[in-house]
Amino acid sequence: PVSAHVTDTASLIRALDAGVDDIAHSVIDRVSDTQITRMIDGNVSWIPTQAIQEGMGAGNLRRFANAGGRIALGNDAGFLAGVLVGMPTHEIEAMADAGFTPMEIILASTRDAACVCRLDHLLGTIEAGKLADLLVVRGDPLKDLGALEDVVVVVHGGEIIRFEE
């Protein structure tokens, strides 16, 4: 799989011409409907990194998602100073600010992120035969995404590795 880091339409077009699998970061100038269709038809995913781009390009992402495109949550953790590894709270908040619903954000963080990483046969959804990596939280993240930070149980590979009372 090949990921291209792009922030403008000229770079996006070059990346699509080269046959990339996913686009990292948000394209700031307006992406044409033709390019959005081309991404969807080519099964190209988008990892927006809205937090580090301070919401720029959110309109393109919303149009891409509304057209049926796959968006996966990612934040450049471990590469950019100040972007911490762990729960990507700032990216979750930035996606919400960009107009994504809690369900869209959760799917981008799980199912669609696993697909981009080519691990959807093992991770990303709760299904028989998958690894059973689960996060159990206190509260309803569909009503308040902040509930994702109130972790009660962590299951990894079917084994409880953290339990909070």
N, C-alpha and C. Protein backbone atom coordinates (compact mmCIF):
# COMPACT_ATOMS: atom_id res chain seq x y z
N PRO A 1 0.82 -1.20 0.00
CA PRO A 1 0.00 0.00 0.00
C PRO A 1 0.86 1.26 0.00
N VAL A 2 0.43 2.26 -0.72
CA VAL A 2 1.16 3.50 -0.82
C VAL A 2 0.28 4.64 -0.33
N SER A 3 0.83 5.44 0.57
CA SER A 3 0.15 6.61 1.09
C SER A 3 0.86 7.85 0.59
N ALA A 4 0.09 8.84 0.18
CA ALA A 4 0.67 10.11 -0.26
C ALA A 4 0.25 11.21 0.70
N HIS A 5 1.20 12.00 1.10
CA HIS A 5 0.93 13.14 1.97
C HIS A 5 0.75 14.37 1.09
N VAL A 6 -0.50 14.83 0.98
CA VAL A 6 -0.80 15.94 0.08
C VAL A 6 -1.67 16.98 0.79
N THR A 7 -1.52 18.23 0.37
CA THR A 7 -2.34 19.30 0.94
C THR A 7 -2.91 20.23 -0.13
N ASP A 8 -2.70 19.90 -1.40
CA ASP A 8 -3.28 20.72 -2.47
C ASP A 8 -3.74 19.81 -3.61
N THR A 9 -4.62 20.35 -4.47
CA THR A 9 -5.21 19.51 -5.52
C THR A 9 -4.19 19.06 -6.55
N ALA A 10 -3.20 19.88 -6.86
CA ALA A 10 -2.19 19.46 -7.84
C ALA A 10 -1.47 18.20 -7.33
N SER A 11 -1.12 18.19 -6.05
CA SER A 11 -0.46 17.01 -5.47
C SER A 11 -1.41 15.82 -5.40
N LEU A 12 -2.68 16.09 -5.12
CA LEU A 12 -3.68 15.02 -5.10
C LEU A 12 -3.78 14.37 -6.47
N ILE A 13 -3.85 15.16 -7.52
CA ILE A 13 -3.95 14.61 -8.87
C ILE A 13 -2.71 13.77 -9.20
N ARG A 14 -1.52 14.26 -8.86
CA ARG A 14 -0.29 13.49 -9.11
C ARG A 14 -0.33 12.17 -8.34
N ALA A 15 -0.80 12.21 -7.09
CA ALA A 15 -0.88 10.98 -6.28
C ALA A 15 -1.86 9.99 -6.90
N LEU A 16 -3.01 10.48 -7.33
CA LEU A 16 -4.00 9.59 -7.96
C LEU A 16 -3.46 9.03 -9.28
N ASP A 17 -2.77 9.86 -10.05
CA ASP A 17 -2.17 9.38 -11.30
C ASP A 17 -1.15 8.28 -11.03
N ALA A 18 -0.48 8.36 -9.89
CA ALA A 18 0.54 7.36 -9.52
C ALA A 18 -0.08 6.09 -8.93
N GLY A 19 -1.38 6.13 -8.64
CA GLY A 19 -2.06 4.93 -8.15
C GLY A 19 -1.96 4.69 -6.66
N VAL A 20 -1.91 5.75 -5.85
CA VAL A 20 -1.81 5.58 -4.40
C VAL A 20 -3.05 4.91 -3.83
N ASP A 21 -2.88 4.36 -2.64
CA ASP A 21 -3.98 3.68 -1.95
C ASP A 21 -4.72 4.59 -0.98
N ASP A 22 -3.99 5.55 -0.41
CA ASP A 22 -4.64 6.49 0.50
C ASP A 22 -3.94 7.83 0.49
N ILE A 23 -4.73 8.83 0.92
CA ILE A 23 -4.26 10.21 0.99
C ILE A 23 -4.19 10.59 2.46
N ALA A 24 -3.03 11.08 2.89
CA ALA A 24 -2.87 11.57 4.26
C ALA A 24 -2.90 13.10 4.22
N HIS A 25 -3.59 13.67 5.16
CA HIS A 25 -3.78 15.11 5.34
C HIS A 25 -4.95 15.60 4.49
N SER A 26 -5.33 16.82 4.73
CA SER A 26 -6.46 17.40 4.03
C SER A 26 -5.98 18.30 2.90
N VAL A 27 -6.67 18.22 1.81
CA VAL A 27 -6.40 19.12 0.69
C VAL A 27 -7.11 20.43 1.01
N ILE A 28 -6.33 21.50 1.01
CA ILE A 28 -6.84 22.79 1.47
C ILE A 28 -7.65 23.51 0.39
N ASP A 29 -7.18 23.50 -0.85
CA ASP A 29 -7.97 24.15 -1.91
C ASP A 29 -9.07 23.19 -2.36
N ARG A 30 -10.05 23.71 -3.08
CA ARG A 30 -11.24 22.91 -3.42
C ARG A 30 -10.90 21.75 -4.34
N VAL A 31 -11.33 20.56 -3.91
CA VAL A 31 -11.19 19.34 -4.72
C VAL A 31 -12.43 19.24 -5.61
N SER A 32 -12.22 18.99 -6.88
CA SER A 32 -13.35 18.91 -7.81
C SER A 32 -14.16 17.64 -7.56
N ASP A 33 -15.40 17.68 -7.97
CA ASP A 33 -16.26 16.50 -7.89
C ASP A 33 -15.65 15.35 -8.68
N THR A 34 -15.00 15.68 -9.79
CA THR A 34 -14.35 14.65 -10.63
C THR A 34 -13.26 13.92 -9.84
N GLN A 35 -12.46 14.67 -9.08
CA GLN A 35 -11.40 14.04 -8.30
C GLN A 35 -11.97 13.22 -7.14
N ILE A 36 -13.03 13.71 -6.54
CA ILE A 36 -13.68 12.94 -5.47
C ILE A 36 -14.21 11.62 -6.04
N THR A 37 -14.88 11.68 -7.19
CA THR A 37 -15.37 10.46 -7.84
C THR A 37 -14.22 9.53 -8.19
N ARG A 38 -13.14 10.10 -8.67
CA ARG A 38 -11.96 9.30 -9.03
C ARG A 38 -11.40 8.58 -7.80
N MET A 39 -11.36 9.27 -6.66
CA MET A 39 -10.88 8.63 -5.43
C MET A 39 -11.79 7.47 -5.03
N ILE A 40 -13.07 7.72 -5.06
CA ILE A 40 -14.03 6.68 -4.65
C ILE A 40 -13.98 5.50 -5.61
N ASP A 41 -13.99 5.77 -6.91
CA ASP A 41 -13.92 4.69 -7.90
C ASP A 41 -12.62 3.90 -7.79
N GLY A 42 -11.54 4.56 -7.38
CA GLY A 42 -10.25 3.91 -7.22
C GLY A 42 -10.04 3.30 -5.84
N ASN A 43 -11.08 3.36 -4.99
CA ASN A 43 -11.01 2.82 -3.64
C ASN A 43 -9.86 3.45 -2.83
N VAL A 44 -9.67 4.75 -3.03
CA VAL A 44 -8.63 5.49 -2.32
C VAL A 44 -9.23 6.04 -1.03
N SER A 45 -8.61 5.73 0.08
CA SER A 45 -9.07 6.21 1.39
C SER A 45 -8.42 7.55 1.71
N TRP A 46 -9.02 8.25 2.69
CA TRP A 46 -8.49 9.56 3.10
C TRP A 46 -8.31 9.58 4.60
N ILE A 47 -7.10 9.91 5.05
CA ILE A 47 -6.78 10.08 6.47
C ILE A 47 -6.53 11.56 6.68
N PRO A 48 -7.50 12.31 7.20
CA PRO A 48 -7.47 13.77 7.12
C PRO A 48 -6.52 14.52 8.05
N THR A 49 -6.14 14.00 9.17
CA THR A 49 -5.29 14.72 10.14
C THR A 49 -5.78 16.15 10.35
N GLN A 50 -7.06 16.28 10.64
CA GLN A 50 -7.68 17.60 10.79
C GLN A 50 -7.09 18.41 11.95
N ALA A 51 -6.66 17.76 13.01
CA ALA A 51 -6.15 18.51 14.17
C ALA A 51 -4.87 19.25 13.82
N ILE A 52 -3.93 18.58 13.15
CA ILE A 52 -2.67 19.26 12.83
C ILE A 52 -2.85 20.29 11.73
N GLN A 53 -3.90 20.15 10.94
CA GLN A 53 -4.16 21.12 9.88
C GLN A 53 -5.19 22.16 10.32
N GLU A 54 -5.52 22.12 11.60
CA GLU A 54 -6.42 23.11 12.21
C GLU A 54 -7.72 23.28 11.43
N GLY A 55 -8.25 22.16 10.96
CA GLY A 55 -9.56 22.16 10.31
C GLY A 55 -9.56 22.57 8.85
N MET A 56 -8.42 22.95 8.30
CA MET A 56 -8.40 23.37 6.89
C MET A 56 -8.74 22.18 5.99
N GLY A 57 -9.52 22.41 4.97
CA GLY A 57 -9.90 21.37 4.04
C GLY A 57 -11.09 20.53 4.48
N ALA A 58 -11.72 20.94 5.58
CA ALA A 58 -12.84 20.15 6.10
C ALA A 58 -13.99 20.01 5.10
N GLY A 59 -14.22 21.03 4.32
CA GLY A 59 -15.30 20.96 3.33
C GLY A 59 -15.07 19.87 2.29
N ASN A 60 -13.82 19.71 1.86
CA ASN A 60 -13.49 18.63 0.92
C ASN A 60 -13.76 17.27 1.54
N LEU A 61 -13.38 17.12 2.79
CA LEU A 61 -13.58 15.83 3.48
C LEU A 61 -15.05 15.50 3.62
N ARG A 62 -15.84 16.51 3.99
CA ARG A 62 -17.27 16.29 4.15
C ARG A 62 -17.90 15.88 2.82
N ARG A 63 -17.50 16.55 1.74
CA ARG A 63 -18.02 16.20 0.41
C ARG A 63 -17.61 14.78 0.03
N PHE A 64 -16.37 14.41 0.32
CA PHE A 64 -15.87 13.07 0.03
C PHE A 64 -16.67 12.02 0.80
N ALA A 65 -16.89 12.26 2.09
CA ALA A 65 -17.66 11.33 2.92
C ALA A 65 -19.10 11.25 2.44
N ASN A 66 -19.70 12.38 2.13
CA ASN A 66 -21.09 12.39 1.65
C ASN A 66 -21.25 11.63 0.34
N ALA A 67 -20.18 11.58 -0.46
CA ALA A 67 -20.22 10.87 -1.74
C ALA A 67 -19.95 9.37 -1.57
N GLY A 68 -19.65 8.94 -0.33
CA GLY A 68 -19.42 7.52 -0.07
C GLY A 68 -17.96 7.14 0.10
N GLY A 69 -17.07 8.13 0.21
CA GLY A 69 -15.65 7.84 0.38
C GLY A 69 -15.32 7.34 1.78
N ARG A 70 -14.24 6.56 1.86
CA ARG A 70 -13.78 6.01 3.15
C ARG A 70 -12.78 6.96 3.80
N ILE A 71 -13.10 7.38 5.02
CA ILE A 71 -12.21 8.24 5.80
C ILE A 71 -11.78 7.45 7.03
N ALA A 72 -10.47 7.42 7.26
CA ALA A 72 -9.92 6.74 8.44
C ALA A 72 -9.27 7.77 9.34
N LEU A 73 -9.42 7.59 10.63
CA LEU A 73 -8.83 8.52 11.58
C LEU A 73 -7.33 8.25 11.70
N GLY A 74 -6.56 9.31 11.67
CA GLY A 74 -5.12 9.24 11.86
C GLY A 74 -4.62 10.61 12.26
N ASN A 75 -3.47 10.67 12.94
CA ASN A 75 -3.04 11.98 13.45
C ASN A 75 -1.55 12.26 13.38
N ASP A 76 -0.76 11.43 12.74
CA ASP A 76 0.69 11.61 12.65
C ASP A 76 1.38 11.47 14.01
N ALA A 77 0.77 10.77 14.95
CA ALA A 77 1.40 10.56 16.26
C ALA A 77 2.72 9.83 16.08
N GLY A 78 3.69 10.22 16.88
CA GLY A 78 5.00 9.60 16.81
C GLY A 78 5.90 10.23 15.78
N PHE A 79 5.36 11.14 14.98
CA PHE A 79 6.16 11.83 13.96
C PHE A 79 6.26 13.31 14.27
N LEU A 80 5.11 13.94 14.53
CA LEU A 80 5.10 15.37 14.81
C LEU A 80 5.22 15.64 16.30
N ALA A 81 6.05 16.60 16.65
CA ALA A 81 6.21 16.98 18.05
C ALA A 81 4.86 17.44 18.61
N GLY A 82 4.54 16.98 19.80
CA GLY A 82 3.31 17.39 20.46
C GLY A 82 2.10 16.55 20.12
N VAL A 83 2.19 15.68 19.13
CA VAL A 83 1.08 14.78 18.79
C VAL A 83 1.37 13.46 19.49
N LEU A 84 0.63 13.19 20.52
CA LEU A 84 0.92 12.05 21.38
C LEU A 84 0.35 10.75 20.85
N VAL A 85 1.05 9.67 21.14
CA VAL A 85 0.56 8.32 20.86
C VAL A 85 -0.48 8.00 21.92
N GLY A 86 -1.54 7.34 21.56
CA GLY A 86 -2.60 6.99 22.50
C GLY A 86 -3.94 7.41 21.93
N MET A 87 -4.91 7.65 22.80
CA MET A 87 -6.23 8.07 22.35
C MET A 87 -6.10 9.39 21.59
N PRO A 88 -6.47 9.43 20.31
CA PRO A 88 -6.29 10.63 19.49
C PRO A 88 -7.38 11.68 19.73
N THR A 89 -7.47 12.14 20.97
CA THR A 89 -8.54 13.05 21.39
C THR A 89 -8.64 14.29 20.51
N HIS A 90 -7.52 14.91 20.22
CA HIS A 90 -7.56 16.14 19.42
C HIS A 90 -8.08 15.87 18.01
N GLU A 91 -7.69 14.74 17.44
CA GLU A 91 -8.17 14.40 16.09
C GLU A 91 -9.67 14.09 16.11
N ILE A 92 -10.11 13.39 17.14
CA ILE A 92 -11.54 13.10 17.29
C ILE A 92 -12.33 14.41 17.38
N GLU A 93 -11.84 15.34 18.20
CA GLU A 93 -12.51 16.64 18.34
C GLU A 93 -12.49 17.41 17.02
N ALA A 94 -11.36 17.37 16.31
CA ALA A 94 -11.25 18.09 15.03
C ALA A 94 -12.21 17.51 14.00
N MET A 95 -12.37 16.19 13.98
CA MET A 95 -13.31 15.59 13.04
C MET A 95 -14.75 15.98 13.40
N ALA A 96 -15.05 16.05 14.70
CA ALA A 96 -16.38 16.50 15.12
C ALA A 96 -16.59 17.96 14.70
N ASP A 97 -15.57 18.79 14.88
CA ASP A 97 -15.67 20.19 14.46
C ASP A 97 -15.86 20.31 12.95
N ALA A 98 -15.37 19.33 12.20
CA ALA A 98 -15.52 19.33 10.74
C ALA A 98 -16.88 18.81 10.29
N GLY A 99 -17.73 18.47 11.26
CA GLY A 99 -19.09 18.06 10.93
C GLY A 99 -19.33 16.56 10.88
N PHE A 100 -18.35 15.77 11.32
CA PHE A 100 -18.55 14.32 11.34
C PHE A 100 -19.33 13.93 12.59
N THR A 101 -20.24 12.98 12.43
CA THR A 101 -21.04 12.50 13.56
C THR A 101 -20.20 11.58 14.43
N PRO A 102 -20.62 11.36 15.67
CA PRO A 102 -19.89 10.40 16.51
C PRO A 102 -19.77 9.02 15.85
N MET A 103 -20.83 8.54 15.20
CA MET A 103 -20.74 7.23 14.55
C MET A 103 -19.73 7.24 13.41
N GLU A 104 -19.72 8.31 12.61
CA GLU A 104 -18.74 8.40 11.53
C GLU A 104 -17.31 8.40 12.08
N ILE A 105 -17.09 9.08 13.19
CA ILE A 105 -15.77 9.15 13.80
C ILE A 105 -15.37 7.79 14.36
N ILE A 106 -16.30 7.10 15.00
CA ILE A 106 -16.00 5.77 15.55
C ILE A 106 -15.69 4.79 14.40
N LEU A 107 -16.46 4.84 13.33
CA LEU A 107 -16.17 3.96 12.19
C LEU A 107 -14.83 4.30 11.54
N ALA A 108 -14.51 5.59 11.46
CA ALA A 108 -13.21 6.01 10.91
C ALA A 108 -12.07 5.51 11.78
N SER A 109 -12.33 5.41 13.09
CA SER A 109 -11.30 5.00 14.05
C SER A 109 -11.12 3.49 14.14
N THR A 110 -12.09 2.76 13.69
CA THR A 110 -12.08 1.30 13.86
C THR A 110 -12.10 0.59 12.51
N ARG A 111 -13.28 0.39 11.98
CA ARG A 111 -13.45 -0.37 10.74
C ARG A 111 -12.61 0.20 9.59
N ASP A 112 -12.71 1.51 9.38
CA ASP A 112 -12.06 2.10 8.22
C ASP A 112 -10.55 2.22 8.40
N ALA A 113 -10.10 2.47 9.63
CA ALA A 113 -8.65 2.50 9.90
C ALA A 113 -8.05 1.11 9.68
N ALA A 114 -8.76 0.07 10.11
CA ALA A 114 -8.27 -1.30 9.90
C ALA A 114 -8.18 -1.61 8.41
N CYS A 115 -9.15 -1.13 7.65
CA CYS A 115 -9.14 -1.35 6.20
C CYS A 115 -7.94 -0.67 5.56
N VAL A 116 -7.66 0.58 5.92
CA VAL A 116 -6.52 1.30 5.36
C VAL A 116 -5.21 0.58 5.68
N CYS A 117 -5.12 0.01 6.88
CA CYS A 117 -3.91 -0.70 7.29
C CYS A 117 -3.86 -2.13 6.75
N ARG A 118 -4.85 -2.51 5.97
CA ARG A 118 -4.95 -3.86 5.41
C ARG A 118 -5.04 -4.92 6.50
N LEU A 119 -5.71 -4.56 7.61
CA LEU A 119 -5.90 -5.48 8.73
C LEU A 119 -7.38 -5.74 9.00
N ASP A 120 -8.24 -5.38 8.07
CA ASP A 120 -9.67 -5.51 8.30
C ASP A 120 -10.12 -6.96 8.42
N HIS A 121 -9.30 -7.91 8.00
CA HIS A 121 -9.63 -9.33 8.19
C HIS A 121 -9.38 -9.75 9.65
N LEU A 122 -8.65 -8.92 10.41
CA LEU A 122 -8.33 -9.23 11.81
C LEU A 122 -8.93 -8.25 12.82
N LEU A 123 -9.07 -6.99 12.43
CA LEU A 123 -9.44 -5.91 13.35
C LEU A 123 -10.54 -5.04 12.78
N GLY A 124 -11.03 -4.14 13.62
CA GLY A 124 -11.90 -3.06 13.15
C GLY A 124 -13.37 -3.27 13.37
N THR A 125 -13.83 -4.50 13.44
CA THR A 125 -15.23 -4.79 13.71
C THR A 125 -15.29 -5.99 14.65
N ILE A 126 -16.43 -6.14 15.28
CA ILE A 126 -16.63 -7.28 16.18
C ILE A 126 -17.30 -8.38 15.38
N GLU A 127 -16.50 -9.40 15.04
CA GLU A 127 -16.99 -10.52 14.23
C GLU A 127 -16.27 -11.79 14.66
N ALA A 128 -16.93 -12.92 14.48
CA ALA A 128 -16.30 -14.21 14.76
C ALA A 128 -15.03 -14.34 13.93
N GLY A 129 -13.97 -14.82 14.56
CA GLY A 129 -12.71 -15.04 13.87
C GLY A 129 -11.74 -13.88 13.93
N LYS A 130 -12.21 -12.72 14.40
CA LYS A 130 -11.31 -11.57 14.51
C LYS A 130 -10.66 -11.57 15.89
N LEU A 131 -9.67 -10.71 16.08
CA LEU A 131 -8.82 -10.74 17.28
C LEU A 131 -9.49 -10.32 18.58
N ALA A 132 -10.63 -9.75 18.54
CA ALA A 132 -11.33 -9.30 19.74
C ALA A 132 -10.51 -8.27 20.51
N ASP A 133 -10.16 -7.19 19.82
CA ASP A 133 -9.58 -6.01 20.46
C ASP A 133 -10.74 -5.06 20.71
N LEU A 134 -11.03 -4.82 21.99
CA LEU A 134 -12.22 -4.03 22.34
C LEU A 134 -11.88 -2.99 23.39
N LEU A 135 -12.59 -1.90 23.35
CA LEU A 135 -12.50 -0.84 24.34
C LEU A 135 -13.90 -0.66 24.91
N VAL A 136 -14.03 -0.85 26.21
CA VAL A 136 -15.32 -0.67 26.87
C VAL A 136 -15.22 0.61 27.69
N VAL A 137 -16.17 1.51 27.46
CA VAL A 137 -16.12 2.80 28.14
C VAL A 137 -17.37 3.00 28.99
N ARG A 138 -17.24 3.89 29.96
CA ARG A 138 -18.38 4.28 30.78
C ARG A 138 -19.07 5.43 30.04
N GLY A 139 -20.31 5.27 29.69
CA GLY A 139 -21.01 6.30 28.95
C GLY A 139 -21.27 5.88 27.52
N ASP A 140 -21.91 6.76 26.80
CA ASP A 140 -22.31 6.48 25.42
C ASP A 140 -21.55 7.42 24.48
N PRO A 141 -20.53 6.93 23.78
CA PRO A 141 -19.77 7.81 22.89
C PRO A 141 -20.58 8.34 21.71
N LEU A 142 -21.73 7.74 21.42
CA LEU A 142 -22.58 8.28 20.36
C LEU A 142 -23.28 9.56 20.81
N LYS A 143 -23.37 9.76 22.13
CA LYS A 143 -23.94 11.00 22.68
C LYS A 143 -22.86 11.97 23.13
N ASP A 144 -21.70 11.42 23.56
CA ASP A 144 -20.60 12.25 24.04
C ASP A 144 -19.29 11.53 23.74
N LEU A 145 -18.57 12.01 22.74
CA LEU A 145 -17.31 11.38 22.36
C LEU A 145 -16.28 11.39 23.50
N GLY A 146 -16.46 12.27 24.46
CA GLY A 146 -15.58 12.30 25.63
C GLY A 146 -15.63 11.01 26.42
N ALA A 147 -16.70 10.23 26.26
CA ALA A 147 -16.80 8.94 26.95
C ALA A 147 -15.67 8.00 26.54
N LEU A 148 -15.10 8.21 25.37
CA LEU A 148 -14.00 7.35 24.92
C LEU A 148 -12.77 7.45 25.83
N GLU A 149 -12.71 8.49 26.63
CA GLU A 149 -11.58 8.65 27.54
C GLU A 149 -11.85 8.05 28.92
N ASP A 150 -13.07 7.61 29.15
CA ASP A 150 -13.42 7.00 30.44
C ASP A 150 -13.45 5.48 30.25
N VAL A 151 -12.27 4.91 30.11
CA VAL A 151 -12.12 3.49 29.78
C VAL A 151 -12.33 2.63 31.02
N VAL A 152 -13.16 1.59 30.85
CA VAL A 152 -13.43 0.65 31.93
C VAL A 152 -12.67 -0.66 31.70
N VAL A 153 -12.71 -1.16 30.47
CA VAL A 153 -12.07 -2.44 30.15
C VAL A 153 -11.36 -2.31 28.80
N VAL A 154 -10.18 -2.90 28.73
CA VAL A 154 -9.47 -3.04 27.45
C VAL A 154 -9.27 -4.53 27.22
N VAL A 155 -9.74 -5.01 26.08
CA VAL A 155 -9.56 -6.41 25.69
C VAL A 155 -8.65 -6.42 24.48
N HIS A 156 -7.59 -7.19 24.55
CA HIS A 156 -6.64 -7.30 23.43
C HIS A 156 -6.46 -8.77 23.09
N GLY A 157 -6.79 -9.12 21.86
CA GLY A 157 -6.68 -10.51 21.45
C GLY A 157 -7.56 -11.44 22.27
N GLY A 158 -8.69 -10.93 22.72
CA GLY A 158 -9.62 -11.73 23.50
C GLY A 158 -9.29 -11.81 24.99
N GLU A 159 -8.22 -11.19 25.42
CA GLU A 159 -7.80 -11.21 26.82
C GLU A 159 -7.98 -9.83 27.45
N ILE A 160 -8.55 -9.78 28.66
CA ILE A 160 -8.67 -8.51 29.37
C ILE A 160 -7.27 -8.10 29.84
N ILE A 161 -6.83 -6.92 29.38
CA ILE A 161 -5.51 -6.43 29.79
C ILE A 161 -5.61 -5.22 30.71
N ARG A 162 -6.82 -4.66 30.85
CA ARG A 162 -7.03 -3.55 31.78
C ARG A 162 -8.46 -3.59 32.22
N PHE A 163 -8.65 -3.43 33.54
CA PHE A 163 -9.98 -3.41 34.10
C PHE A 163 -10.03 -2.36 35.19
N GLU A 164 -10.90 -1.37 35.02
CA GLU A 164 -11.08 -0.30 36.01
C GLU A 164 -12.46 -0.49 36.62
N GLU A 165 -12.55 -0.35 37.92
CA GLU A 165 -13.87 -0.47 38.57
C GLU A 165 -14.56 0.86 38.65
